[in-house]
Each structure stands twice: as structure tokens, then as C-alpha cells.
Amino acid sequence: MDLTTILGYLSGLYFITPDLDSVTLLRTTALVHAIDALLCSLIASQRGRNQQAWTVAGLLLGIWALGILFLLPSREKKTASKN
């Protein structure tokens, strides 16, 4: 098993199209992970989660980070109380 095969399974692209060549696989994975990072950032900010950490997770883990973020419950945003 080579690096492109491992990347194909981790990114989920081999489940959709198992006959991708390595150049197409790398380019598509980079694009998909960039979009996943953007989506993780937006969803994390709306759900009260650490936006920067989830952006990095989306960039590195792709659809898997996005799936985990969807499964986690929303956090309440902390508001400063006036006394």
C-alpha cells in the first residue's frame, strides 16, 4: 500500500472513484480539504466551538472533522454579565 492509496482512503475519494491517478487525487484532496476547513470554521463559530482549532482539523482531516463537528452538540457562548 503506497501513500496515494492511504491518502485516497483517508480522504474518502477512493470510496467514490477508486481509479484516480495520483496527481488528480492530490489536487482533489487539497481542494476538498480546503473547502472542509472553511466549512468547519463557519460551523464551529456558529456552534460556539474554537474556530481556529476546527479550521486546522478540517484542513488536516477533511470530511472526517466535518462529520465529528456535526455530531458534537452546540456550546453556549459565554456572555459578560453586567453587575
C-alpha atoms as a PDB file:
ATOM      1  CA  MET A   1       0.000   0.000   0.000  1.00  0.00           C
ATOM      2  CA  ASP A   2       1.539   3.293  -1.069  1.00  0.00           C
ATOM      3  CA  LEU A   3       0.973   6.858   0.116  1.00  0.00           C
ATOM      4  CA  THR A   4      -1.573   7.742  -2.563  1.00  0.00           C
ATOM      5  CA  THR A   5      -3.710   4.717  -1.680  1.00  0.00           C
ATOM      6  CA  ILE A   6      -3.656   5.662   2.015  1.00  0.00           C
ATOM      7  CA  LEU A   7      -4.490   9.294   1.146  1.00  0.00           C
ATOM      8  CA  GLY A   8      -7.298   8.120  -1.117  1.00  0.00           C
ATOM      9  CA  TYR A   9      -8.927   6.106   1.645  1.00  0.00           C
ATOM     10  CA  LEU A  10      -8.395   8.728   4.359  1.00  0.00           C
ATOM     11  CA  SER A  11      -9.845  11.478   2.195  1.00  0.00           C
ATOM     12  CA  GLY A  12     -12.765   9.273   1.189  1.00  0.00           C
ATOM     13  CA  LEU A  13     -12.153   9.773  -2.538  1.00  0.00           C
ATOM     14  CA  TYR A  14     -11.364   6.104  -3.195  1.00  0.00           C
ATOM     15  CA  PHE A  15     -14.826   5.217  -1.944  1.00  0.00           C
ATOM     16  CA  ILE A  16     -16.273   7.401  -4.705  1.00  0.00           C
ATOM     17  CA  THR A  17     -13.768   6.813  -7.535  1.00  0.00           C
ATOM     18  CA  PRO A  18     -11.105   4.180  -6.855  1.00  0.00           C
ATOM     19  CA  ASP A  19      -9.319   4.630 -10.207  1.00  0.00           C
ATOM     20  CA  LEU A  20      -7.965   8.175  -9.713  1.00  0.00           C
ATOM     21  CA  ASP A  21      -4.377   8.783 -10.756  1.00  0.00           C
ATOM     22  CA  SER A  22      -2.059  10.212  -8.083  1.00  0.00           C
ATOM     23  CA  VAL A  23      -1.881  13.776  -9.466  1.00  0.00           C
ATOM     24  CA  THR A  24      -5.668  14.101  -9.698  1.00  0.00           C
ATOM     25  CA  LEU A  25      -6.038  12.546  -6.258  1.00  0.00           C
ATOM     26  CA  LEU A  26      -3.630  15.026  -4.663  1.00  0.00           C
ATOM     27  CA  ARG A  27      -5.216  18.048  -6.327  1.00  0.00           C
ATOM     28  CA  THR A  28      -8.754  16.961  -5.500  1.00  0.00           C
ATOM     29  CA  THR A  29      -7.815  16.130  -1.907  1.00  0.00           C
ATOM     30  CA  ALA A  30      -6.218  19.556  -1.443  1.00  0.00           C
ATOM     31  CA  LEU A  31      -9.316  21.302  -2.821  1.00  0.00           C
ATOM     32  CA  VAL A  32     -11.759  19.215  -0.788  1.00  0.00           C
ATOM     33  CA  HIS A  33      -9.770  19.691   2.432  1.00  0.00           C
ATOM     34  CA  ALA A  34      -9.609  23.455   1.867  1.00  0.00           C
ATOM     35  CA  ILE A  35     -13.384  23.569   1.462  1.00  0.00           C
ATOM     36  CA  ASP A  36     -13.837  21.328   4.512  1.00  0.00           C
ATOM     37  CA  ALA A  37     -11.620  23.695   6.531  1.00  0.00           C
ATOM     38  CA  LEU A  38     -13.799  26.638   5.503  1.00  0.00           C
ATOM     39  CA  LEU A  39     -16.979  24.775   6.418  1.00  0.00           C
ATOM     40  CA  CYS A  40     -15.500  23.668   9.767  1.00  0.00           C
ATOM     41  CA  SER A  41     -14.581  27.262  10.515  1.00  0.00           C
ATOM     42  CA  LEU A  42     -18.074  28.548   9.775  1.00  0.00           C
ATOM     43  CA  ILE A  43     -19.873  25.782  11.648  1.00  0.00           C
ATOM     44  CA  ALA A  44     -17.548  25.986  14.662  1.00  0.00           C
ATOM     45  CA  SER A  45     -18.124  29.712  15.003  1.00  0.00           C
ATOM     46  CA  GLN A  46     -21.903  29.221  14.849  1.00  0.00           C
ATOM     47  CA  ARG A  47     -21.837  26.436  17.455  1.00  0.00           C
ATOM     48  CA  GLY A  48     -19.570  28.177  19.954  1.00  0.00           C
ATOM     49  CA  ARG A  49     -16.511  25.988  19.307  1.00  0.00           C
ATOM     50  CA  ASN A  50     -12.867  27.001  18.831  1.00  0.00           C
ATOM     51  CA  GLN A  51     -12.868  28.284  15.258  1.00  0.00           C
ATOM     52  CA  GLN A  52      -9.113  28.127  14.661  1.00  0.00           C
ATOM     53  CA  ALA A  53      -8.734  24.590  16.008  1.00  0.00           C
ATOM     54  CA  TRP A  54     -11.594  23.305  13.880  1.00  0.00           C
ATOM     55  CA  THR A  55     -10.230  25.047  10.790  1.00  0.00           C
ATOM     56  CA  VAL A  56      -6.923  23.226  11.225  1.00  0.00           C
ATOM     57  CA  ALA A  57      -8.775  19.964  11.909  1.00  0.00           C
ATOM     58  CA  GLY A  58     -10.795  20.436   8.721  1.00  0.00           C
ATOM     59  CA  LEU A  59      -7.650  21.133   6.737  1.00  0.00           C
ATOM     60  CA  LEU A  60      -5.881  18.026   8.039  1.00  0.00           C
ATOM     61  CA  LEU A  61      -8.755  15.563   8.472  1.00  0.00           C
ATOM     62  CA  GLY A  62     -11.196  16.800   5.845  1.00  0.00           C
ATOM     63  CA  ILE A  63     -14.649  15.244   5.815  1.00  0.00           C
ATOM     64  CA  TRP A  64     -13.912  13.290   9.000  1.00  0.00           C
ATOM     65  CA  ALA A  65     -13.501  16.511  11.028  1.00  0.00           C
ATOM     66  CA  LEU A  66     -16.644  17.920   9.475  1.00  0.00           C
ATOM     67  CA  GLY A  67     -18.572  14.795  10.445  1.00  0.00           C
ATOM     68  CA  ILE A  68     -17.340  14.958  14.032  1.00  0.00           C
ATOM     69  CA  LEU A  69     -18.248  18.639  14.239  1.00  0.00           C
ATOM     70  CA  PHE A  70     -21.792  17.859  13.078  1.00  0.00           C
ATOM     71  CA  LEU A  71     -22.146  15.184  15.764  1.00  0.00           C
ATOM     72  CA  LEU A  72     -20.957  17.393  18.638  1.00  0.00           C
ATOM     73  CA  PRO A  73     -23.608  19.409  20.467  1.00  0.00           C
ATOM     74  CA  SER A  74     -23.525  23.193  20.365  1.00  0.00           C
ATOM     75  CA  ARG A  75     -21.872  25.069  23.203  1.00  0.00           C
ATOM     76  CA  GLU A  76     -23.420  28.073  24.821  1.00  0.00           C
ATOM     77  CA  LYS A  77     -21.485  31.241  24.084  1.00  0.00           C
ATOM     78  CA  LYS A  78     -20.162  32.961  27.174  1.00  0.00           C
ATOM     79  CA  THR A  79     -21.555  36.421  27.667  1.00  0.00           C
ATOM     80  CA  ALA A  80     -20.238  39.021  30.047  1.00  0.00           C
ATOM     81  CA  SER A  81     -22.757  39.759  32.746  1.00  0.00           C
ATOM     82  CA  LYS A  82     -23.223  43.310  33.920  1.00  0.00           C
ATOM     83  CA  ASN A  83     -23.322  43.714  37.685  1.00  0.00           C
END
